[in-house]
C-alpha atoms as a PDB file:
ATOM      1  CA  MET A   1     -33.015  32.196 -19.801  1.00  0.00           C
ATOM      2  CA  ARG A   2     -30.926  35.233 -20.708  1.00  0.00           C
ATOM      3  CA  LYS A   3     -28.833  36.193 -17.858  1.00  0.00           C
ATOM      4  CA  ASN A   4     -29.379  39.443 -15.859  1.00  0.00           C
ATOM      5  CA  ASN A   5     -26.795  39.463 -13.690  1.00  0.00           C
ATOM      6  CA  HIS A   6     -26.874  43.131 -11.718  1.00  0.00           C
ATOM      7  CA  LYS A   7     -27.370  43.451  -8.271  1.00  0.00           C
ATOM      8  CA  ILE A   8     -30.239  42.579  -7.238  1.00  0.00           C
ATOM      9  CA  GLU A   9     -32.823  45.152  -6.188  1.00  0.00           C
ATOM     10  CA  ARG A  10     -35.483  45.135  -3.666  1.00  0.00           C
ATOM     11  CA  TYR A  11     -38.267  47.185  -3.910  1.00  0.00           C
ATOM     12  CA  HIS A  12     -40.840  47.880  -1.139  1.00  0.00           C
ATOM     13  CA  LEU A  13     -44.841  48.729  -0.849  1.00  0.00           C
ATOM     14  CA  HIS A  14     -45.005  51.917   1.222  1.00  0.00           C
ATOM     15  CA  LYS A  15     -41.882  51.114   3.562  1.00  0.00           C
ATOM     16  CA  ASP A  16     -41.433  54.338   4.862  1.00  0.00           C
ATOM     17  CA  GLN A  17     -45.223  55.653   4.984  1.00  0.00           C
ATOM     18  CA  PRO A  18     -47.229  52.370   7.123  1.00  0.00           C
ATOM     19  CA  GLU A  19     -49.752  54.726   7.611  1.00  0.00           C
ATOM     20  CA  LYS A  20     -50.725  54.194   4.043  1.00  0.00           C
ATOM     21  CA  LEU A  21     -53.300  51.329   2.615  1.00  0.00           C
ATOM     22  CA  GLN A  22     -50.270  48.912   1.518  1.00  0.00           C
ATOM     23  CA  PHE A  23     -52.425  48.036  -1.823  1.00  0.00           C
ATOM     24  CA  ALA A  24     -52.420  49.841  -5.124  1.00  0.00           C
ATOM     25  CA  ILE A  25     -53.249  48.677  -8.655  1.00  0.00           C
ATOM     26  CA  TYR A  26     -51.880  50.014 -11.772  1.00  0.00           C
ATOM     27  CA  SER A  27     -52.382  49.790 -15.453  1.00  0.00           C
ATOM     28  CA  LEU A  28     -49.823  47.407 -16.704  1.00  0.00           C
ATOM     29  CA  SER A  29     -48.796  49.550 -19.875  1.00  0.00           C
ATOM     30  CA  ASP A  30     -48.379  52.515 -17.627  1.00  0.00           C
ATOM     31  CA  TYR A  31     -46.948  50.350 -14.924  1.00  0.00           C
ATOM     32  CA  LEU A  32     -43.936  49.135 -17.582  1.00  0.00           C
ATOM     33  CA  ALA A  33     -43.758  52.695 -19.302  1.00  0.00           C
ATOM     34  CA  GLU A  34     -42.924  54.480 -15.940  1.00  0.00           C
ATOM     35  CA  ASN A  35     -40.352  51.282 -14.840  1.00  0.00           C
ATOM     36  CA  VAL A  36     -38.275  51.407 -17.987  1.00  0.00           C
ATOM     37  CA  GLY A  37     -34.753  49.844 -17.025  1.00  0.00           C
ATOM     38  CA  ARG A  38     -36.044  48.653 -13.615  1.00  0.00           C
ATOM     39  CA  ALA A  39     -38.742  46.292 -14.087  1.00  0.00           C
ATOM     40  CA  ASN A  40     -36.801  44.269 -16.749  1.00  0.00           C
ATOM     41  CA  LYS A  41     -33.850  43.337 -14.628  1.00  0.00           C
ATOM     42  CA  ALA A  42     -34.256  41.112 -12.092  1.00  0.00           C
ATOM     43  CA  HIS A  43     -35.284  42.334  -8.921  1.00  0.00           C
ATOM     44  CA  VAL A  44     -37.486  41.299  -5.643  1.00  0.00           C
ATOM     45  CA  HIS A  45     -39.967  42.558  -3.505  1.00  0.00           C
ATOM     46  CA  SER A  46     -41.158  42.346   0.124  1.00  0.00           C
ATOM     47  CA  PHE A  47     -44.871  42.509  -1.263  1.00  0.00           C
ATOM     48  CA  TYR A  48     -47.087  40.459  -3.340  1.00  0.00           C
ATOM     49  CA  GLN A  49     -47.616  41.152  -6.632  1.00  0.00           C
ATOM     50  CA  ILE A  50     -50.140  40.368  -9.177  1.00  0.00           C
ATOM     51  CA  ILE A  51     -49.931  40.502 -12.672  1.00  0.00           C
ATOM     52  CA  TRP A  52     -52.687  40.046 -15.079  1.00  0.00           C
ATOM     53  CA  PHE A  53     -51.432  39.684 -19.108  1.00  0.00           C
ATOM     54  CA  THR A  54     -54.282  40.745 -21.747  1.00  0.00           C
ATOM     55  CA  ARG A  55     -52.667  41.922 -24.385  1.00  0.00           C
ATOM     56  CA  GLY A  56     -49.523  41.032 -25.520  1.00  0.00           C
ATOM     57  CA  HIS A  57     -47.208  37.949 -26.426  1.00  0.00           C
ATOM     58  CA  GLY A  58     -43.169  37.566 -24.278  1.00  0.00           C
ATOM     59  CA  LYS A  59     -41.786  35.835 -21.674  1.00  0.00           C
ATOM     60  CA  HIS A  60     -41.455  36.462 -18.073  1.00  0.00           C
ATOM     61  CA  PHE A  61     -39.071  35.406 -16.306  1.00  0.00           C
ATOM     62  CA  VAL A  62     -39.236  34.172 -13.105  1.00  0.00           C
ATOM     63  CA  ASP A  63     -35.732  32.801 -10.764  1.00  0.00           C
ATOM     64  CA  PHE A  64     -34.528  30.352 -13.430  1.00  0.00           C
ATOM     65  CA  ASN A  65     -36.932  29.589 -15.455  1.00  0.00           C
ATOM     66  CA  GLU A  66     -38.607  31.511 -18.380  1.00  0.00           C
ATOM     67  CA  PHE A  67     -42.406  31.282 -19.341  1.00  0.00           C
ATOM     68  CA  GLU A  68     -44.391  32.193 -22.116  1.00  0.00           C
ATOM     69  CA  VAL A  69     -46.838  35.129 -21.532  1.00  0.00           C
ATOM     70  CA  THR A  70     -49.875  35.085 -23.601  1.00  0.00           C
ATOM     71  CA  PRO A  71     -53.100  36.997 -23.455  1.00  0.00           C
ATOM     72  CA  SER A  72     -55.131  35.698 -20.099  1.00  0.00           C
ATOM     73  CA  SER A  73     -52.156  34.573 -18.090  1.00  0.00           C
ATOM     74  CA  PHE A  74     -52.142  35.636 -14.454  1.00  0.00           C
ATOM     75  CA  PHE A  75     -48.651  35.841 -12.968  1.00  0.00           C
ATOM     76  CA  PHE A  76     -48.507  35.476  -9.034  1.00  0.00           C
ATOM     77  CA  ILE A  77     -45.190  36.423  -7.993  1.00  0.00           C
ATOM     78  CA  PRO A  78     -44.567  36.233  -3.785  1.00  0.00           C
ATOM     79  CA  LYS A  79     -42.167  38.227  -1.511  1.00  0.00           C
ATOM     80  CA  ASP A  80     -38.833  37.364  -2.269  1.00  0.00           C
ATOM     81  CA  GLN A  81     -39.096  35.768  -5.383  1.00  0.00           C
ATOM     82  CA  ILE A  82     -36.675  36.559  -7.958  1.00  0.00           C
ATOM     83  CA  HIS A  83     -38.298  37.749 -11.790  1.00  0.00           C
ATOM     84  CA  PHE A  84     -37.862  40.656 -14.172  1.00  0.00           C
ATOM     85  CA  PHE A  85     -40.129  41.340 -17.806  1.00  0.00           C
ATOM     86  CA  ASP A  86     -38.943  41.240 -20.780  1.00  0.00           C
ATOM     87  CA  ASP A  87     -38.557  44.238 -22.775  1.00  0.00           C
ATOM     88  CA  ASN A  88     -41.457  44.614 -24.425  1.00  0.00           C
ATOM     89  CA  LEU A  89     -43.220  47.236 -23.836  1.00  0.00           C
ATOM     90  CA  ALA A  90     -46.452  46.553 -25.498  1.00  0.00           C
ATOM     91  CA  TYR A  91     -48.379  44.720 -23.040  1.00  0.00           C
ATOM     92  CA  GLU A  92     -51.728  45.015 -21.660  1.00  0.00           C
ATOM     93  CA  GLY A  93     -53.274  44.740 -18.472  1.00  0.00           C
ATOM     94  CA  VAL A  94     -53.092  45.042 -14.650  1.00  0.00           C
ATOM     95  CA  ILE A  95     -50.464  44.911 -11.978  1.00  0.00           C
ATOM     96  CA  ILE A  96     -51.665  44.599  -8.055  1.00  0.00           C
ATOM     97  CA  HIS A  97     -49.036  44.874  -5.387  1.00  0.00           C
ATOM     98  CA  PHE A  98     -50.142  44.335  -1.358  1.00  0.00           C
ATOM     99  CA  ASN A  99     -48.492  43.480   1.561  1.00  0.00           C
ATOM    100  CA  GLU A 100     -49.257  40.279   3.797  1.00  0.00           C
ATOM    101  CA  GLU A 101     -51.288  41.921   6.373  1.00  0.00           C
ATOM    102  CA  PHE A 102     -53.223  43.713   4.433  1.00  0.00           C
ATOM    103  CA  ILE A 103     -54.925  40.585   3.049  1.00  0.00           C
ATOM    104  CA  ILE A 104     -54.148  38.090   6.387  1.00  0.00           C
ATOM    105  CA  ASP A 105     -55.263  39.711   9.800  1.00  0.00           C
ATOM    106  CA  HIS A 106     -54.707  36.080  11.385  1.00  0.00           C
ATOM    107  CA  GLU A 107     -54.319  33.084   9.223  1.00  0.00           C
ATOM    108  CA  ASN A 108     -56.903  30.281   9.083  1.00  0.00           C
ATOM    109  CA  ASP A 109     -57.207  28.065   6.879  1.00  0.00           C
ATOM    110  CA  ILE A 110     -58.579  29.919   3.522  1.00  0.00           C
ATOM    111  CA  ASP A 111     -56.051  32.677   3.915  1.00  0.00           C
ATOM    112  CA  MET A 112     -53.155  29.666   3.999  1.00  0.00           C
ATOM    113  CA  PHE A 113     -54.880  28.356   1.179  1.00  0.00           C
ATOM    114  CA  LEU A 114     -54.574  30.926  -0.628  1.00  0.00           C
ATOM    115  CA  LYS A 115     -51.300  31.940  -0.029  1.00  0.00           C
ATOM    116  CA  TYR A 116     -49.419  28.869  -0.380  1.00  0.00           C
ATOM    117  CA  SER A 117     -51.761  27.399  -3.045  1.00  0.00           C
ATOM    118  CA  ILE A 118     -51.679  30.872  -5.501  1.00  0.00           C
ATOM    119  CA  PHE A 119     -48.402  32.433  -4.712  1.00  0.00           C
ATOM    120  CA  ASN A 120     -46.051  29.418  -4.520  1.00  0.00           C
ATOM    121  CA  ASP A 121     -43.258  27.803  -6.071  1.00  0.00           C
ATOM    122  CA  PHE A 122     -44.115  24.134  -6.092  1.00  0.00           C
ATOM    123  CA  GLU A 123     -45.360  24.375  -9.689  1.00  0.00           C
ATOM    124  CA  SER A 124     -43.798  23.742 -12.765  1.00  0.00           C
ATOM    125  CA  GLU A 125     -45.695  26.476 -14.442  1.00  0.00           C
ATOM    126  CA  LEU A 126     -46.426  29.328 -12.171  1.00  0.00           C
ATOM    127  CA  PHE A 127     -49.191  30.932 -14.165  1.00  0.00           C
ATOM    128  CA  PHE A 128     -52.093  30.707 -14.279  1.00  0.00           C
ATOM    129  CA  LYS A 129     -54.447  30.416 -17.835  1.00  0.00           C
ATOM    130  CA  THR A 130     -57.695  31.503 -17.691  1.00  0.00           C
ATOM    131  CA  SER A 131     -60.600  31.571 -20.704  1.00  0.00           C
ATOM    132  CA  LYS A 132     -61.668  34.893 -22.648  1.00  0.00           C
ATOM    133  CA  ASP A 133     -65.009  33.709 -21.725  1.00  0.00           C
ATOM    134  CA  SER A 134     -63.874  34.571 -17.760  1.00  0.00           C
ATOM    135  CA  SER A 135     -62.363  37.407 -18.678  1.00  0.00           C
ATOM    136  CA  GLU A 136     -65.642  39.910 -17.990  1.00  0.00           C
ATOM    137  CA  ASN A 137     -65.784  38.640 -14.461  1.00  0.00           C
ATOM    138  CA  PHE A 138     -62.293  39.306 -13.293  1.00  0.00           C
ATOM    139  CA  LEU A 139     -62.372  42.469 -15.161  1.00  0.00           C
ATOM    140  CA  ASN A 140     -65.548  43.324 -13.179  1.00  0.00           C
ATOM    141  CA  LEU A 141     -63.782  42.407 -10.280  1.00  0.00           C
ATOM    142  CA  ILE A 142     -61.409  44.771 -11.120  1.00  0.00           C
ATOM    143  CA  SER A 143     -63.477  47.900 -11.811  1.00  0.00           C
ATOM    144  CA  GLN A 144     -64.448  47.272  -7.847  1.00  0.00           C
ATOM    145  CA  LEU A 145     -61.036  47.458  -6.564  1.00  0.00           C
ATOM    146  CA  LYS A 146     -60.368  50.714  -9.080  1.00  0.00           C
ATOM    147  CA  ARG A 147     -63.240  52.631  -7.758  1.00  0.00           C
ATOM    148  CA  GLU A 148     -62.890  51.704  -4.323  1.00  0.00           C
ATOM    149  CA  ILE A 149     -59.446  52.499  -3.884  1.00  0.00           C
ATOM    150  CA  GLU A 150     -60.579  55.796  -5.164  1.00  0.00           C
ATOM    151  CA  VAL A 151     -63.349  56.423  -2.343  1.00  0.00           C
ATOM    152  CA  GLN A 152     -60.713  56.436   0.914  1.00  0.00           C
ATOM    153  CA  GLU A 153     -64.198  57.579   2.792  1.00  0.00           C
ATOM    154  CA  ASN A 154     -66.353  55.370   2.172  1.00  0.00           C
ATOM    155  CA  PHE A 155     -67.078  53.222   5.816  1.00  0.00           C
ATOM    156  CA  GLY A 156     -65.308  50.121   5.680  1.00  0.00           C
ATOM    157  CA  HIS A 157     -62.746  50.793   2.980  1.00  0.00           C
ATOM    158  CA  LYS A 158     -60.079  48.759   3.786  1.00  0.00           C
ATOM    159  CA  GLU A 159     -62.617  45.639   4.553  1.00  0.00           C
ATOM    160  CA  TYR A 160     -64.063  46.111   1.014  1.00  0.00           C
ATOM    161  CA  LEU A 161     -60.687  45.786  -0.720  1.00  0.00           C
ATOM    162  CA  LYS A 162     -59.985  43.303   1.300  1.00  0.00           C
ATOM    163  CA  HIS A 163     -62.994  41.339   0.267  1.00  0.00           C
ATOM    164  CA  LEU A 164     -62.464  41.740  -3.134  1.00  0.00           C
ATOM    165  CA  LEU A 165     -58.784  41.039  -3.182  1.00  0.00           C
ATOM    166  CA  LYS A 166     -59.952  37.781  -1.765  1.00  0.00           C
ATOM    167  CA  LEU A 167     -62.842  37.556  -4.563  1.00  0.00           C
ATOM    168  CA  PHE A 168     -60.655  37.598  -6.759  1.00  0.00           C
ATOM    169  CA  LEU A 169     -57.950  35.464  -5.599  1.00  0.00           C
ATOM    170  CA  ILE A 170     -61.074  32.873  -5.274  1.00  0.00           C
ATOM    171  CA  SER A 171     -61.696  32.762  -8.424  1.00  0.00           C
ATOM    172  CA  ILE A 172     -58.728  32.901  -9.810  1.00  0.00           C
ATOM    173  CA  GLN A 173     -58.450  29.428  -7.962  1.00  0.00           C
ATOM    174  CA  ARG A 174     -61.602  27.997  -9.055  1.00  0.00           C
ATOM    175  CA  ILE A 175     -61.266  28.991 -12.914  1.00  0.00           C
ATOM    176  CA  GLY A 176     -57.950  29.346 -13.380  1.00  0.00           C
ATOM    177  CA  LYS A 177     -56.227  26.209 -14.664  1.00  0.00           C
ATOM    178  CA  ARG A 178     -52.579  25.286 -13.817  1.00  0.00           C
ATOM    179  CA  ASN A 179     -50.334  22.201 -14.285  1.00  0.00           C
ATOM    180  CA  ILE A 180     -50.984  20.425 -11.061  1.00  0.00           C
ATOM    181  CA  ILE A 181     -51.326  16.766 -10.475  1.00  0.00           C
ATOM    182  CA  GLU A 182     -54.640  17.093  -8.178  1.00  0.00           C
ATOM    183  CA  LYS A 183     -56.712  20.707  -8.196  1.00  0.00           C
ATOM    184  CA  LEU A 184     -56.331  21.245  -4.335  1.00  0.00           C
ATOM    185  CA  SER A 185     -59.388  22.121  -1.759  1.00  0.00           C
ATOM    186  CA  VAL A 186     -59.448  23.539   1.229  1.00  0.00           C
ATOM    187  CA  ASN A 187     -62.019  20.535   2.536  1.00  0.00           C
ATOM    188  CA  ASN A 188     -59.148  17.705   1.999  1.00  0.00           C
ATOM    189  CA  ASN A 189     -57.457  17.247   5.163  1.00  0.00           C
ATOM    190  CA  HIS A 190     -54.490  16.079   2.903  1.00  0.00           C
ATOM    191  CA  HIS A 191     -54.177  19.138   0.764  1.00  0.00           C
ATOM    192  CA  ILE A 192     -53.767  21.658   3.710  1.00  0.00           C
ATOM    193  CA  THR A 193     -51.646  19.314   5.181  1.00  0.00           C
ATOM    194  CA  PHE A 194     -49.541  19.704   2.590  1.00  0.00           C
ATOM    195  CA  LEU A 195     -49.728  23.256   2.259  1.00  0.00           C
ATOM    196  CA  LYS A 196     -48.979  23.533   6.349  1.00  0.00           C
ATOM    197  CA  PHE A 197     -45.692  21.648   5.532  1.00  0.00           C
ATOM    198  CA  ARG A 198     -44.729  23.827   2.804  1.00  0.00           C
ATOM    199  CA  LYS A 199     -45.705  26.759   5.343  1.00  0.00           C
ATOM    200  CA  LEU A 200     -43.391  25.897   7.714  1.00  0.00           C
ATOM    201  CA  LEU A 201     -40.356  24.947   4.719  1.00  0.00           C
ATOM    202  CA  ASP A 202     -40.777  28.215   3.981  1.00  0.00           C
ATOM    203  CA  VAL A 203     -39.901  29.454   7.088  1.00  0.00           C
ATOM    204  CA  ASN A 204     -37.288  26.279   8.299  1.00  0.00           C
ATOM    205  CA  PHE A 205     -35.552  25.393   5.072  1.00  0.00           C
ATOM    206  CA  LYS A 206     -32.166  26.482   6.531  1.00  0.00           C
ATOM    207  CA  LYS A 207     -32.496  24.674   9.303  1.00  0.00           C
ATOM    208  CA  LYS A 208     -34.618  21.763   9.257  1.00  0.00           C
ATOM    209  CA  HIS A 209     -33.519  19.608   6.159  1.00  0.00           C
ATOM    210  CA  THR A 210     -35.332  16.198   7.107  1.00  0.00           C
ATOM    211  CA  VAL A 211     -39.060  14.956   6.478  1.00  0.00           C
ATOM    212  CA  GLY A 212     -39.052  13.824   9.972  1.00  0.00           C
ATOM    213  CA  GLU A 213     -38.149  17.160  11.418  1.00  0.00           C
ATOM    214  CA  TYR A 214     -41.136  18.674   9.451  1.00  0.00           C
ATOM    215  CA  ALA A 215     -43.712  15.637  10.398  1.00  0.00           C
ATOM    216  CA  GLU A 216     -42.854  15.829  14.128  1.00  0.00           C
ATOM    217  CA  MET A 217     -43.587  19.620  13.108  1.00  0.00           C
ATOM    218  CA  LEU A 218     -47.069  18.253  11.918  1.00  0.00           C
ATOM    219  CA  ASN A 219     -47.786  15.883  14.609  1.00  0.00           C
ATOM    220  CA  ILE A 220     -48.103  13.228  12.113  1.00  0.00           C
ATOM    221  CA  SER A 221     -45.871  10.113  10.968  1.00  0.00           C
ATOM    222  CA  SER A 222     -43.108  10.978   7.511  1.00  0.00           C
ATOM    223  CA  LYS A 223     -45.380   8.057   6.089  1.00  0.00           C
ATOM    224  CA  THR A 224     -48.784  10.521   6.006  1.00  0.00           C
ATOM    225  CA  LEU A 225     -46.514  13.703   4.701  1.00  0.00           C
ATOM    226  CA  THR A 226     -44.873  11.927   1.867  1.00  0.00           C
ATOM    227  CA  ASN A 227     -48.393  10.101   0.652  1.00  0.00           C
ATOM    228  CA  CYS A 228     -49.823  13.648   1.341  1.00  0.00           C
ATOM    229  CA  SER A 229     -47.591  15.082  -0.990  1.00  0.00           C
ATOM    230  CA  LYS A 230     -47.201  12.477  -3.439  1.00  0.00           C
ATOM    231  CA  GLU A 231     -50.700  12.334  -3.748  1.00  0.00           C
ATOM    232  CA  ILE A 232     -50.800  16.200  -4.715  1.00  0.00           C
ATOM    233  CA  ILE A 233     -47.555  16.716  -6.878  1.00  0.00           C
ATOM    234  CA  ASP A 234     -45.843  13.242  -7.187  1.00  0.00           C
ATOM    235  CA  LYS A 235     -42.830  14.213  -5.012  1.00  0.00           C
ATOM    236  CA  THR A 236     -41.591  13.275  -1.722  1.00  0.00           C
ATOM    237  CA  PRO A 237     -41.189  15.461   0.346  1.00  0.00           C
ATOM    238  CA  LEU A 238     -37.479  15.610   0.637  1.00  0.00           C
ATOM    239  CA  GLU A 239     -37.878  16.127  -2.889  1.00  0.00           C
ATOM    240  CA  ILE A 240     -39.404  19.457  -2.179  1.00  0.00           C
ATOM    241  CA  ILE A 241     -37.062  20.418   0.956  1.00  0.00           C
ATOM    242  CA  ASN A 242     -33.846  19.800  -1.783  1.00  0.00           C
ATOM    243  CA  GLU A 243     -35.807  21.933  -4.471  1.00  0.00           C
ATOM    244  CA  ARG A 244     -36.520  24.951  -1.995  1.00  0.00           C
ATOM    245  CA  ILE A 245     -32.552  24.232  -0.685  1.00  0.00           C
ATOM    246  CA  ILE A 246     -30.977  24.614  -3.795  1.00  0.00           C
ATOM    247  CA  LEU A 247     -33.544  27.137  -5.007  1.00  0.00           C
ATOM    248  CA  GLU A 248     -32.076  29.449  -2.530  1.00  0.00           C
ATOM    249  CA  ALA A 249     -28.360  28.273  -3.112  1.00  0.00           C
ATOM    250  CA  LYS A 250     -28.767  29.464  -6.756  1.00  0.00           C
ATOM    251  CA  ARG A 251     -29.640  32.512  -5.371  1.00  0.00           C
ATOM    252  CA  LEU A 252     -27.358  33.535  -3.325  1.00  0.00           C
ATOM    253  CA  ILE A 253     -24.296  31.628  -5.545  1.00  0.00           C
ATOM    254  CA  SER A 254     -25.902  34.367  -8.478  1.00  0.00           C
ATOM    255  CA  HIS A 255     -26.756  37.222  -7.044  1.00  0.00           C
ATOM    256  CA  SER A 256     -24.942  37.928  -3.388  1.00  0.00           C
ATOM    257  CA  SER A 257     -20.850  38.184  -3.180  1.00  0.00           C
ATOM    258  CA  LEU A 258     -20.965  35.667  -0.615  1.00  0.00           C
ATOM    259  CA  ASN A 259     -18.265  33.019  -0.965  1.00  0.00           C
ATOM    260  CA  ILE A 260     -19.376  29.515  -1.331  1.00  0.00           C
ATOM    261  CA  ASN A 261     -18.669  28.317   2.186  1.00  0.00           C
ATOM    262  CA  GLU A 262     -20.490  31.370   3.365  1.00  0.00           C
ATOM    263  CA  ILE A 263     -23.650  30.444   1.622  1.00  0.00           C
ATOM    264  CA  GLY A 264     -23.466  26.446   2.394  1.00  0.00           C
ATOM    265  CA  PHE A 265     -23.282  28.061   6.270  1.00  0.00           C
ATOM    266  CA  GLN A 266     -26.533  30.327   5.830  1.00  0.00           C
ATOM    267  CA  LEU A 267     -28.109  27.582   4.527  1.00  0.00           C
ATOM    268  CA  GLY A 268     -27.575  25.430   7.174  1.00  0.00           C
ATOM    269  CA  PHE A 269     -24.714  23.333   6.136  1.00  0.00           C
ATOM    270  CA  GLU A 270     -21.603  23.018   9.131  1.00  0.00           C
ATOM    271  CA  ASP A 271     -19.726  21.473   6.431  1.00  0.00           C
ATOM    272  CA  PRO A 272     -19.030  23.062   3.462  1.00  0.00           C
ATOM    273  CA  SER A 273     -17.170  19.689   1.426  1.00  0.00           C
ATOM    274  CA  TYR A 274     -20.923  18.536   2.121  1.00  0.00           C
ATOM    275  CA  PHE A 275     -22.760  21.410   0.896  1.00  0.00           C
ATOM    276  CA  VAL A 276     -20.400  20.929  -2.562  1.00  0.00           C
ATOM    277  CA  LYS A 277     -21.638  17.182  -2.825  1.00  0.00           C
ATOM    278  CA  TYR A 278     -25.125  18.361  -2.107  1.00  0.00           C
ATOM    279  CA  PHE A 279     -25.738  20.745  -4.605  1.00  0.00           C
ATOM    280  CA  LYS A 280     -23.422  18.513  -7.420  1.00  0.00           C
ATOM    281  CA  LYS A 281     -25.683  15.523  -6.470  1.00  0.00           C
ATOM    282  CA  GLN A 282     -29.030  17.454  -6.759  1.00  0.00           C
ATOM    283  CA  THR A 283     -28.004  19.886  -9.572  1.00  0.00           C
ATOM    284  CA  GLY A 284     -24.977  18.120 -11.508  1.00  0.00           C
ATOM    285  CA  LYS A 285     -22.398  20.851 -10.586  1.00  0.00           C
ATOM    286  CA  THR A 286     -20.304  22.007  -8.132  1.00  0.00           C
ATOM    287  CA  PRO A 287     -21.426  25.794  -6.751  1.00  0.00           C
ATOM    288  CA  SER A 288     -18.191  27.277  -8.492  1.00  0.00           C
ATOM    289  CA  ASP A 289     -19.163  25.583 -11.573  1.00  0.00           C
ATOM    290  CA  PHE A 290     -22.787  27.274 -11.855  1.00  0.00           C
ATOM    291  CA  ARG A 291     -21.518  30.350 -10.525  1.00  0.00           C
ATOM    292  CA  LYS A 292     -18.926  30.203 -13.489  1.00  0.00           C
ATOM    293  CA  VAL A 293     -22.419  29.780 -15.537  1.00  0.00           C
ATOM    294  CA  VAL A 294     -24.716  32.036 -14.448  1.00  0.00           C
ATOM    295  CA  SER A 295     -22.024  35.134 -14.297  1.00  0.00           C
END
């Protein structure tokens, strides 16, 4: 992966205009042309982003990995995930932005499923591939979204957009292909338990580092949580916890001015030397050595 070590910018959607619709849709080629010098530098959003590449080949960079861009590929970038485009301005496609409150009023299993199954970081491939035959369905939904966003005076305008967006996400989940060991289902209790674990981990990983703590919050045994995790992605919950902590550690080491002790403390390690040992065990490098590599 090429290095991109400037200060990480954080972008918002209508941050100072909360009365505005927290949803936007753009032509990908227009968006890239208007954001030259910004989109191709590492950044994060306080909102969710969907990128649909319909034409063009290249690479997209997410955290510390690079992914091949090919036509009919969808990238789902959750809030606070570092990513950036390559320098190719010839892509065609669609880009969608929305805030969490736009799509989720009171989170239920379906909403949680869409958020933690589609916008996730536990996959080895952070994108979906679709067939050319399925493109017509997505183009139809995009056309409806574009038409509706232009007529704000329509009855139920926001609700209509919200339902179209959910239909778009549900269609991706049904049709898209992803490198997951078992396709997740909202009707499978083990799958829902696993996604609830992911939700708890995203909120608590800086404070809670053991499988037992998450099992207790889920009101299940550690063995049950382990079985769910192994069944779905062939990893133990502890491996997933460690991966999340290390990802955040790498982000802070690479893109913040905090010293190593401060980073360890921020991630819940009271003993700085233990954080150094933990990081080296997980990555093969000390935090200081990793910082030298990425700087």
